[in-house]
Amino acid sequence: MKKTFFLTIVLCLGALVNSTAQKFAGLQKSPTDIVYASPEKNAKPDIKVIYSRPQKKDREIFGKLVPFDKVWRTGADEATEIKLFKDFKMGDTMIKAGTYSLFTIPGKDNWEIILNSDLDSWGAYTYDKTKDAARITVPVTTDQEALEAFSIAFKKVDKGYHMVLGWDTTRVEVPFYN
């Protein structure tokens, strides 16, 4: 009788623990990533970008999955965020240090790159042009290597960086100068 009572209590407690256990989400379909632009290895960054990396999965990307001439969140899920740790010039526009959403308008030959002051937006659904801090048009190039995942990287150039956006065989370079 005591064994049965004890076993019943243990089973009830086990059920209670399982019913209140934390449920964790599975892996993201478009994993979040962070990329930094730093003047040298292990130095404090000048620029940080947080973005989600959608996958190609045998789909036609630009002009189809990501339409031409429409505002894109530049990745997946939440709009991509870029943090400038110091003032930079993008094109002819001086941009104050701070955090911005990065939107783009992909075109066949050129992309518009947009830094916008509205943060924490899901996708580009609430994009507001009146909150643009800077806008520049840059040319599109192609590469022989097709990238499966949307990717952002920085390359150091004289007086600053080029932020390179790439997916499939499309490449776009965005200049940031001190």
N, C-alpha and C. Protein backbone atom coordinates (compact mmCIF):
# COMPACT_ATOMS: atom_id res chain seq x y z
N MET A 1 0.83 -1.19 0.00
CA MET A 1 0.00 0.00 0.00
C MET A 1 0.87 1.25 0.00
N LYS A 2 1.93 1.27 0.86
CA LYS A 2 2.81 2.42 0.90
C LYS A 2 3.54 2.59 -0.42
N LYS A 3 3.95 1.47 -1.05
CA LYS A 3 4.64 1.55 -2.34
C LYS A 3 3.73 2.14 -3.41
N THR A 4 2.47 1.71 -3.42
CA THR A 4 1.51 2.21 -4.40
C THR A 4 1.27 3.70 -4.20
N PHE A 5 1.10 4.11 -2.95
CA PHE A 5 0.89 5.53 -2.64
C PHE A 5 2.10 6.36 -3.06
N PHE A 6 3.30 5.88 -2.72
CA PHE A 6 4.54 6.59 -3.08
C PHE A 6 4.70 6.68 -4.60
N LEU A 7 4.42 5.58 -5.29
CA LEU A 7 4.52 5.57 -6.75
C LEU A 7 3.51 6.53 -7.38
N THR A 8 2.32 6.60 -6.84
CA THR A 8 1.30 7.53 -7.33
C THR A 8 1.76 8.97 -7.16
N ILE A 9 2.34 9.30 -6.02
CA ILE A 9 2.83 10.65 -5.76
C ILE A 9 3.96 11.00 -6.75
N VAL A 10 4.90 10.08 -6.96
CA VAL A 10 6.01 10.31 -7.87
C VAL A 10 5.49 10.54 -9.29
N LEU A 11 4.55 9.72 -9.74
CA LEU A 11 3.99 9.88 -11.08
C LEU A 11 3.25 11.22 -11.23
N CYS A 12 2.50 11.61 -10.21
CA CYS A 12 1.78 12.90 -10.24
C CYS A 12 2.77 14.07 -10.30
N LEU A 13 3.83 14.00 -9.51
CA LEU A 13 4.84 15.07 -9.54
C LEU A 13 5.54 15.11 -10.89
N GLY A 14 5.83 13.94 -11.45
CA GLY A 14 6.46 13.89 -12.76
C GLY A 14 5.56 14.49 -13.83
N ALA A 15 4.27 14.20 -13.76
CA ALA A 15 3.32 14.78 -14.72
C ALA A 15 3.24 16.29 -14.55
N LEU A 16 3.28 16.75 -13.32
CA LEU A 16 3.22 18.19 -13.05
C LEU A 16 4.46 18.89 -13.61
N VAL A 17 5.62 18.31 -13.42
CA VAL A 17 6.86 18.90 -13.94
C VAL A 17 6.81 18.94 -15.46
N ASN A 18 6.38 17.86 -16.10
CA ASN A 18 6.31 17.82 -17.56
C ASN A 18 5.30 18.80 -18.11
N SER A 19 4.20 19.03 -17.39
CA SER A 19 3.18 19.94 -17.91
C SER A 19 3.61 21.39 -17.80
N THR A 20 4.59 21.71 -16.96
CA THR A 20 5.05 23.09 -16.83
C THR A 20 6.43 23.29 -17.46
N ALA A 21 6.94 22.27 -18.14
CA ALA A 21 8.26 22.38 -18.75
C ALA A 21 8.25 23.41 -19.87
N GLN A 22 9.35 24.11 -20.02
CA GLN A 22 9.49 25.14 -21.07
C GLN A 22 9.47 24.49 -22.44
N LYS A 23 8.71 25.05 -23.35
CA LYS A 23 8.69 24.60 -24.73
C LYS A 23 9.64 25.51 -25.52
N PHE A 24 10.61 24.93 -26.17
CA PHE A 24 11.56 25.70 -26.94
C PHE A 24 11.22 25.62 -28.43
N ALA A 25 11.43 26.72 -29.12
CA ALA A 25 11.20 26.75 -30.56
C ALA A 25 12.27 25.94 -31.27
N GLY A 26 11.92 25.44 -32.42
CA GLY A 26 12.90 24.73 -33.24
C GLY A 26 13.85 25.73 -33.90
N LEU A 27 14.72 25.23 -34.73
CA LEU A 27 15.67 26.08 -35.43
C LEU A 27 14.94 26.98 -36.43
N GLN A 28 15.46 28.19 -36.61
CA GLN A 28 14.89 29.12 -37.57
C GLN A 28 15.10 28.60 -38.99
N LYS A 29 14.13 28.85 -39.85
CA LYS A 29 14.30 28.49 -41.26
C LYS A 29 15.29 29.42 -41.93
N SER A 30 15.34 30.67 -41.45
CA SER A 30 16.31 31.66 -41.94
C SER A 30 17.12 32.13 -40.74
N PRO A 31 18.21 31.45 -40.43
CA PRO A 31 18.95 31.74 -39.20
C PRO A 31 19.44 33.19 -39.12
N THR A 32 19.43 33.72 -37.91
CA THR A 32 19.94 35.06 -37.66
C THR A 32 21.46 35.01 -37.61
N ASP A 33 22.10 36.03 -38.17
CA ASP A 33 23.55 36.09 -38.18
C ASP A 33 23.98 37.52 -37.88
N ILE A 34 25.23 37.69 -37.53
CA ILE A 34 25.81 39.00 -37.24
C ILE A 34 27.13 39.10 -38.00
N VAL A 35 27.37 40.25 -38.60
CA VAL A 35 28.64 40.50 -39.28
C VAL A 35 29.17 41.86 -38.82
N TYR A 36 30.49 41.95 -38.71
CA TYR A 36 31.13 43.16 -38.22
C TYR A 36 32.13 43.70 -39.25
N ALA A 37 32.26 45.03 -39.26
CA ALA A 37 33.34 45.69 -40.00
C ALA A 37 34.26 46.27 -38.95
N SER A 38 35.51 45.80 -38.93
CA SER A 38 36.48 46.25 -37.95
C SER A 38 37.75 46.70 -38.65
N PRO A 39 38.41 47.71 -38.10
CA PRO A 39 39.63 48.21 -38.76
C PRO A 39 40.75 47.17 -38.78
N GLU A 40 40.75 46.28 -37.81
CA GLU A 40 41.73 45.19 -37.78
C GLU A 40 41.17 44.06 -36.93
N LYS A 41 41.77 42.91 -37.05
CA LYS A 41 41.31 41.72 -36.32
C LYS A 41 41.31 41.99 -34.82
N ASN A 42 40.26 41.57 -34.15
CA ASN A 42 40.07 41.69 -32.70
C ASN A 42 39.93 43.14 -32.22
N ALA A 43 39.71 44.07 -33.13
CA ALA A 43 39.47 45.47 -32.74
C ALA A 43 37.98 45.69 -32.54
N LYS A 44 37.62 46.76 -31.83
CA LYS A 44 36.21 47.10 -31.69
C LYS A 44 35.65 47.39 -33.08
N PRO A 45 34.41 46.97 -33.33
CA PRO A 45 33.87 47.17 -34.68
C PRO A 45 33.48 48.63 -34.93
N ASP A 46 33.49 48.98 -36.21
CA ASP A 46 32.98 50.26 -36.67
C ASP A 46 31.52 50.14 -37.09
N ILE A 47 31.16 48.94 -37.58
CA ILE A 47 29.80 48.67 -38.06
C ILE A 47 29.42 47.25 -37.65
N LYS A 48 28.15 47.08 -37.28
CA LYS A 48 27.61 45.75 -36.96
C LYS A 48 26.28 45.59 -37.69
N VAL A 49 26.06 44.45 -38.32
CA VAL A 49 24.80 44.17 -39.00
C VAL A 49 24.21 42.88 -38.43
N ILE A 50 22.94 42.94 -38.06
CA ILE A 50 22.19 41.76 -37.59
C ILE A 50 21.11 41.49 -38.63
N TYR A 51 21.12 40.26 -39.18
CA TYR A 51 20.19 39.95 -40.26
C TYR A 51 19.84 38.47 -40.26
N SER A 52 18.75 38.14 -40.95
CA SER A 52 18.36 36.74 -41.13
C SER A 52 18.75 36.30 -42.53
N ARG A 53 19.11 35.01 -42.63
CA ARG A 53 19.69 34.48 -43.87
C ARG A 53 18.77 33.46 -44.54
N PRO A 54 17.85 33.94 -45.39
CA PRO A 54 17.01 32.99 -46.12
C PRO A 54 17.84 32.14 -47.07
N GLN A 55 17.30 30.98 -47.40
CA GLN A 55 17.99 30.01 -48.26
C GLN A 55 17.39 30.01 -49.67
N LYS A 56 18.22 29.72 -50.65
CA LYS A 56 17.79 29.70 -52.06
C LYS A 56 16.83 28.52 -52.34
N LYS A 57 17.19 27.34 -51.92
CA LYS A 57 16.37 26.13 -52.09
C LYS A 57 15.84 25.96 -53.52
N ASP A 58 16.73 26.07 -54.49
CA ASP A 58 16.38 25.86 -55.91
C ASP A 58 15.33 26.84 -56.43
N ARG A 59 15.18 27.98 -55.78
CA ARG A 59 14.21 28.98 -56.25
C ARG A 59 14.91 30.08 -57.03
N GLU A 60 14.18 30.72 -57.92
CA GLU A 60 14.66 31.92 -58.59
C GLU A 60 14.50 33.06 -57.58
N ILE A 61 15.59 33.78 -57.30
CA ILE A 61 15.56 34.76 -56.21
C ILE A 61 15.11 36.13 -56.69
N PHE A 62 16.01 36.89 -57.31
CA PHE A 62 15.71 38.28 -57.63
C PHE A 62 14.86 38.39 -58.89
N GLY A 63 13.77 39.14 -58.76
CA GLY A 63 12.79 39.27 -59.83
C GLY A 63 11.64 38.30 -59.66
N LYS A 64 11.79 37.32 -58.77
CA LYS A 64 10.74 36.32 -58.54
C LYS A 64 10.41 36.26 -57.04
N LEU A 65 11.23 35.55 -56.25
CA LEU A 65 10.99 35.46 -54.80
C LEU A 65 11.09 36.85 -54.17
N VAL A 66 12.11 37.58 -54.54
CA VAL A 66 12.29 38.98 -54.12
C VAL A 66 12.01 39.83 -55.36
N PRO A 67 10.84 40.46 -55.42
CA PRO A 67 10.47 41.21 -56.63
C PRO A 67 11.38 42.40 -56.88
N PHE A 68 11.56 42.73 -58.15
CA PHE A 68 12.27 43.94 -58.51
C PHE A 68 11.40 45.15 -58.19
N ASP A 69 12.07 46.24 -57.88
CA ASP A 69 11.43 47.56 -57.71
C ASP A 69 10.44 47.64 -56.55
N LYS A 70 10.59 46.79 -55.54
CA LYS A 70 9.77 46.85 -54.33
C LYS A 70 10.69 46.82 -53.12
N VAL A 71 10.30 47.52 -52.06
CA VAL A 71 11.11 47.55 -50.84
C VAL A 71 11.22 46.16 -50.25
N TRP A 72 12.45 45.78 -49.92
CA TRP A 72 12.74 44.46 -49.34
C TRP A 72 13.43 44.67 -48.00
N ARG A 73 13.15 43.81 -47.06
CA ARG A 73 13.74 43.90 -45.71
C ARG A 73 15.22 43.53 -45.69
N THR A 74 15.76 43.10 -46.81
CA THR A 74 17.17 42.74 -46.97
C THR A 74 17.53 41.54 -46.09
N GLY A 75 16.83 40.47 -46.33
CA GLY A 75 17.00 39.23 -45.58
C GLY A 75 15.64 38.62 -45.35
N ALA A 76 15.43 38.05 -44.18
CA ALA A 76 14.15 37.44 -43.84
C ALA A 76 13.75 37.91 -42.45
N ASP A 77 12.53 37.59 -42.08
CA ASP A 77 12.00 37.88 -40.74
C ASP A 77 12.02 39.39 -40.44
N GLU A 78 12.60 39.79 -39.29
CA GLU A 78 12.66 41.22 -38.98
C GLU A 78 13.55 41.93 -39.98
N ALA A 79 13.29 43.22 -40.15
CA ALA A 79 14.15 44.01 -41.03
C ALA A 79 15.58 43.96 -40.51
N THR A 80 16.52 43.91 -41.42
CA THR A 80 17.94 43.91 -41.07
C THR A 80 18.29 45.20 -40.34
N GLU A 81 19.11 45.09 -39.29
CA GLU A 81 19.56 46.28 -38.56
C GLU A 81 21.05 46.48 -38.73
N ILE A 82 21.42 47.73 -38.92
CA ILE A 82 22.83 48.10 -39.05
C ILE A 82 23.14 49.14 -37.99
N LYS A 83 24.22 48.89 -37.26
CA LYS A 83 24.65 49.82 -36.22
C LYS A 83 25.99 50.42 -36.62
N LEU A 84 26.01 51.74 -36.72
CA LEU A 84 27.24 52.47 -37.00
C LEU A 84 27.78 52.98 -35.67
N PHE A 85 28.99 52.60 -35.34
CA PHE A 85 29.58 53.00 -34.07
C PHE A 85 30.23 54.38 -34.15
N LYS A 86 30.30 54.91 -35.37
CA LYS A 86 30.80 56.27 -35.57
C LYS A 86 30.13 56.82 -36.83
N ASP A 87 30.27 58.10 -37.07
CA ASP A 87 29.67 58.71 -38.25
C ASP A 87 30.34 58.16 -39.51
N PHE A 88 29.53 57.90 -40.53
CA PHE A 88 30.02 57.44 -41.82
C PHE A 88 29.31 58.20 -42.93
N LYS A 89 29.95 58.22 -44.07
CA LYS A 89 29.35 58.79 -45.26
C LYS A 89 28.96 57.63 -46.16
N MET A 90 27.69 57.61 -46.57
CA MET A 90 27.19 56.62 -47.53
C MET A 90 26.76 57.43 -48.75
N GLY A 91 27.49 57.28 -49.85
CA GLY A 91 27.24 58.16 -50.98
C GLY A 91 27.61 59.58 -50.60
N ASP A 92 26.71 60.52 -50.83
CA ASP A 92 26.94 61.92 -50.47
C ASP A 92 26.33 62.28 -49.12
N THR A 93 25.75 61.32 -48.43
CA THR A 93 25.04 61.60 -47.19
C THR A 93 25.86 61.20 -45.97
N MET A 94 26.06 62.14 -45.06
CA MET A 94 26.72 61.84 -43.79
C MET A 94 25.66 61.24 -42.86
N ILE A 95 26.00 60.11 -42.27
CA ILE A 95 25.07 59.40 -41.39
C ILE A 95 25.65 59.41 -39.99
N LYS A 96 24.87 59.85 -39.03
CA LYS A 96 25.31 59.89 -37.64
C LYS A 96 25.41 58.46 -37.08
N ALA A 97 26.33 58.28 -36.15
CA ALA A 97 26.44 57.00 -35.45
C ALA A 97 25.07 56.67 -34.86
N GLY A 98 24.70 55.41 -34.91
CA GLY A 98 23.40 54.97 -34.39
C GLY A 98 22.97 53.69 -35.06
N THR A 99 21.75 53.27 -34.75
CA THR A 99 21.20 52.03 -35.30
C THR A 99 20.08 52.37 -36.27
N TYR A 100 20.08 51.67 -37.40
CA TYR A 100 19.12 51.91 -38.47
C TYR A 100 18.62 50.58 -39.01
N SER A 101 17.43 50.60 -39.61
CA SER A 101 16.98 49.45 -40.39
C SER A 101 17.58 49.58 -41.77
N LEU A 102 17.96 48.46 -42.34
CA LEU A 102 18.52 48.43 -43.69
C LEU A 102 17.48 47.84 -44.63
N PHE A 103 16.98 48.67 -45.52
CA PHE A 103 16.06 48.21 -46.55
C PHE A 103 16.74 48.36 -47.90
N THR A 104 16.29 47.60 -48.87
CA THR A 104 16.80 47.73 -50.23
C THR A 104 15.64 47.66 -51.20
N ILE A 105 15.86 48.23 -52.37
CA ILE A 105 14.92 48.07 -53.47
C ILE A 105 15.72 47.45 -54.61
N PRO A 106 15.68 46.12 -54.73
CA PRO A 106 16.46 45.47 -55.77
C PRO A 106 15.91 45.79 -57.17
N GLY A 107 16.81 46.03 -58.07
CA GLY A 107 16.48 46.20 -59.48
C GLY A 107 17.37 45.28 -60.29
N LYS A 108 17.07 45.18 -61.55
CA LYS A 108 17.85 44.28 -62.40
C LYS A 108 19.30 44.75 -62.53
N ASP A 109 19.50 46.07 -62.68
CA ASP A 109 20.85 46.61 -62.89
C ASP A 109 21.39 47.40 -61.71
N ASN A 110 20.50 47.95 -60.88
CA ASN A 110 20.88 48.77 -59.74
C ASN A 110 19.98 48.47 -58.55
N TRP A 111 20.53 48.69 -57.37
CA TRP A 111 19.74 48.58 -56.14
C TRP A 111 19.75 49.92 -55.42
N GLU A 112 18.63 50.24 -54.80
CA GLU A 112 18.60 51.37 -53.89
C GLU A 112 18.84 50.81 -52.49
N ILE A 113 19.78 51.41 -51.79
CA ILE A 113 20.11 51.01 -50.42
C ILE A 113 19.56 52.10 -49.51
N ILE A 114 18.82 51.70 -48.49
CA ILE A 114 18.12 52.65 -47.63
C ILE A 114 18.46 52.38 -46.17
N LEU A 115 18.87 53.41 -45.46
CA LEU A 115 18.98 53.35 -44.00
C LEU A 115 17.80 54.14 -43.46
N ASN A 116 17.05 53.50 -42.57
CA ASN A 116 15.80 54.06 -42.07
C ASN A 116 15.82 54.06 -40.55
N SER A 117 15.28 55.10 -39.94
CA SER A 117 15.34 55.23 -38.48
C SER A 117 14.31 54.40 -37.74
N ASP A 118 13.36 53.80 -38.42
CA ASP A 118 12.34 52.97 -37.77
C ASP A 118 12.93 51.60 -37.47
N LEU A 119 12.96 51.23 -36.20
CA LEU A 119 13.57 49.96 -35.78
C LEU A 119 12.52 48.94 -35.37
N ASP A 120 12.95 47.70 -35.25
CA ASP A 120 12.13 46.59 -34.76
C ASP A 120 10.88 46.36 -35.59
N SER A 121 11.01 46.47 -36.90
CA SER A 121 9.86 46.21 -37.77
C SER A 121 9.98 44.82 -38.37
N TRP A 122 8.85 44.18 -38.53
CA TRP A 122 8.81 42.85 -39.13
C TRP A 122 8.72 43.03 -40.64
N GLY A 123 9.70 42.54 -41.34
CA GLY A 123 9.71 42.67 -42.79
C GLY A 123 9.76 44.12 -43.21
N ALA A 124 9.14 44.41 -44.34
CA ALA A 124 9.08 45.78 -44.85
C ALA A 124 7.63 46.27 -44.88
N TYR A 125 6.76 45.57 -44.16
CA TYR A 125 5.33 45.87 -44.21
C TYR A 125 4.99 47.26 -43.70
N THR A 126 5.76 47.75 -42.73
CA THR A 126 5.47 49.07 -42.16
C THR A 126 6.53 50.10 -42.57
N TYR A 127 7.29 49.80 -43.62
CA TYR A 127 8.32 50.72 -44.08
C TYR A 127 7.71 52.10 -44.32
N ASP A 128 8.38 53.14 -43.81
CA ASP A 128 7.92 54.52 -43.92
C ASP A 128 9.04 55.36 -44.52
N LYS A 129 8.87 55.76 -45.77
CA LYS A 129 9.89 56.52 -46.49
C LYS A 129 10.26 57.82 -45.78
N THR A 130 9.34 58.40 -45.01
CA THR A 130 9.63 59.66 -44.32
C THR A 130 10.66 59.49 -43.22
N LYS A 131 10.96 58.24 -42.84
CA LYS A 131 11.96 57.98 -41.80
C LYS A 131 13.32 57.58 -42.37
N ASP A 132 13.48 57.74 -43.69
CA ASP A 132 14.76 57.43 -44.31
C ASP A 132 15.83 58.40 -43.82
N ALA A 133 16.97 57.85 -43.42
CA ALA A 133 18.12 58.67 -43.00
C ALA A 133 19.09 58.85 -44.17
N ALA A 134 19.13 57.88 -45.07
CA ALA A 134 20.03 57.95 -46.22
C ALA A 134 19.55 56.99 -47.29
N ARG A 135 19.91 57.33 -48.53
CA ARG A 135 19.53 56.49 -49.67
C ARG A 135 20.62 56.64 -50.73
N ILE A 136 21.03 55.51 -51.31
CA ILE A 136 22.06 55.51 -52.35
C ILE A 136 21.70 54.44 -53.38
N THR A 137 22.07 54.68 -54.62
CA THR A 137 21.88 53.69 -55.68
C THR A 137 23.23 53.11 -56.03
N VAL A 138 23.30 51.77 -56.07
CA VAL A 138 24.56 51.08 -56.38
C VAL A 138 24.31 50.05 -57.48
N PRO A 139 25.35 49.76 -58.27
CA PRO A 139 25.18 48.80 -59.37
C PRO A 139 25.18 47.35 -58.87
N VAL A 140 24.55 46.50 -59.67
CA VAL A 140 24.51 45.06 -59.42
C VAL A 140 25.62 44.41 -60.24
N THR A 141 26.31 43.45 -59.64
CA THR A 141 27.26 42.63 -60.38
C THR A 141 26.87 41.17 -60.18
N THR A 142 27.47 40.30 -60.96
CA THR A 142 27.21 38.87 -60.79
C THR A 142 28.53 38.15 -60.55
N ASP A 143 28.41 37.01 -59.92
CA ASP A 143 29.56 36.19 -59.59
C ASP A 143 29.29 34.78 -60.12
N GLN A 144 30.31 34.06 -60.42
CA GLN A 144 30.12 32.67 -60.88
C GLN A 144 29.66 31.77 -59.75
N GLU A 145 30.06 32.10 -58.52
CA GLU A 145 29.67 31.28 -57.36
C GLU A 145 28.27 31.67 -56.90
N ALA A 146 27.37 30.70 -56.85
CA ALA A 146 26.02 30.93 -56.35
C ALA A 146 26.01 30.68 -54.83
N LEU A 147 25.53 31.66 -54.09
CA LEU A 147 25.41 31.52 -52.64
C LEU A 147 24.04 30.96 -52.28
N GLU A 148 24.02 29.87 -51.54
CA GLU A 148 22.76 29.24 -51.12
C GLU A 148 22.00 30.14 -50.13
N ALA A 149 22.72 30.75 -49.22
CA ALA A 149 22.09 31.60 -48.20
C ALA A 149 22.41 33.06 -48.47
N PHE A 150 21.42 33.93 -48.27
CA PHE A 150 21.67 35.36 -48.36
C PHE A 150 22.79 35.70 -47.39
N SER A 151 23.76 36.49 -47.84
CA SER A 151 24.95 36.75 -47.03
C SER A 151 25.34 38.22 -47.08
N ILE A 152 25.91 38.69 -45.98
CA ILE A 152 26.46 40.03 -45.90
C ILE A 152 27.88 39.90 -45.38
N ALA A 153 28.80 40.63 -46.01
CA ALA A 153 30.20 40.63 -45.58
C ALA A 153 30.73 42.05 -45.75
N PHE A 154 31.85 42.32 -45.10
CA PHE A 154 32.52 43.62 -45.25
C PHE A 154 33.90 43.40 -45.80
N LYS A 155 34.32 44.31 -46.67
CA LYS A 155 35.71 44.32 -47.09
C LYS A 155 36.25 45.71 -46.84
N LYS A 156 37.46 45.73 -46.29
CA LYS A 156 38.14 46.99 -45.96
C LYS A 156 38.62 47.63 -47.26
N VAL A 157 38.33 48.91 -47.41
CA VAL A 157 38.81 49.68 -48.55
C VAL A 157 39.43 50.96 -48.00
N ASP A 158 40.15 51.66 -48.86
CA ASP A 158 40.77 52.91 -48.45
C ASP A 158 39.69 53.85 -47.88
N LYS A 159 39.88 54.32 -46.67
CA LYS A 159 38.98 55.26 -45.98
C LYS A 159 37.63 54.67 -45.59
N GLY A 160 37.53 53.36 -45.46
CA GLY A 160 36.25 52.81 -45.01
C GLY A 160 36.06 51.34 -45.35
N TYR A 161 34.81 51.02 -45.70
CA TYR A 161 34.41 49.63 -45.97
C TYR A 161 33.43 49.59 -47.12
N HIS A 162 33.37 48.44 -47.76
CA HIS A 162 32.26 48.13 -48.65
C HIS A 162 31.49 46.99 -47.99
N MET A 163 30.20 47.21 -47.78
CA MET A 163 29.33 46.15 -47.30
C MET A 163 28.86 45.42 -48.55
N VAL A 164 29.14 44.12 -48.61
CA VAL A 164 28.81 43.32 -49.78
C VAL A 164 27.60 42.46 -49.45
N LEU A 165 26.53 42.63 -50.25
CA LEU A 165 25.32 41.83 -50.12
C LEU A 165 25.35 40.80 -51.24
N GLY A 166 25.11 39.53 -50.91
CA GLY A 166 25.15 38.50 -51.94
C GLY A 166 24.13 37.41 -51.71
N TRP A 167 23.53 36.98 -52.81
CA TRP A 167 22.62 35.83 -52.77
C TRP A 167 22.52 35.30 -54.18
N ASP A 168 22.54 33.99 -54.31
CA ASP A 168 22.61 33.35 -55.61
C ASP A 168 23.87 33.90 -56.28
N THR A 169 23.80 34.42 -57.48
CA THR A 169 24.99 34.96 -58.12
C THR A 169 25.00 36.50 -58.09
N THR A 170 24.03 37.11 -57.44
CA THR A 170 23.93 38.57 -57.37
C THR A 170 24.83 39.12 -56.27
N ARG A 171 25.54 40.21 -56.60
CA ARG A 171 26.37 40.90 -55.61
C ARG A 171 26.12 42.40 -55.72
N VAL A 172 26.10 43.05 -54.56
CA VAL A 172 25.93 44.50 -54.47
C VAL A 172 26.91 45.01 -53.43
N GLU A 173 27.63 46.07 -53.74
CA GLU A 173 28.59 46.67 -52.78
C GLU A 173 28.11 48.05 -52.38
N VAL A 174 28.04 48.26 -51.06
CA VAL A 174 27.58 49.53 -50.50
C VAL A 174 28.76 50.20 -49.81
N PRO A 175 29.17 51.41 -50.27
CA PRO A 175 30.33 52.07 -49.67
C PRO A 175 29.99 52.83 -48.40
N PHE A 176 30.83 52.66 -47.39
CA PHE A 176 30.78 53.43 -46.15
C PHE A 176 32.16 54.02 -45.93
N TYR A 177 32.23 55.35 -45.89
CA TYR A 177 33.52 56.03 -45.76
C TYR A 177 33.56 56.90 -44.51
N ASN A 178 34.75 57.03 -43.92
CA ASN A 178 34.94 57.87 -42.73
C ASN A 178 35.03 59.32 -43.17
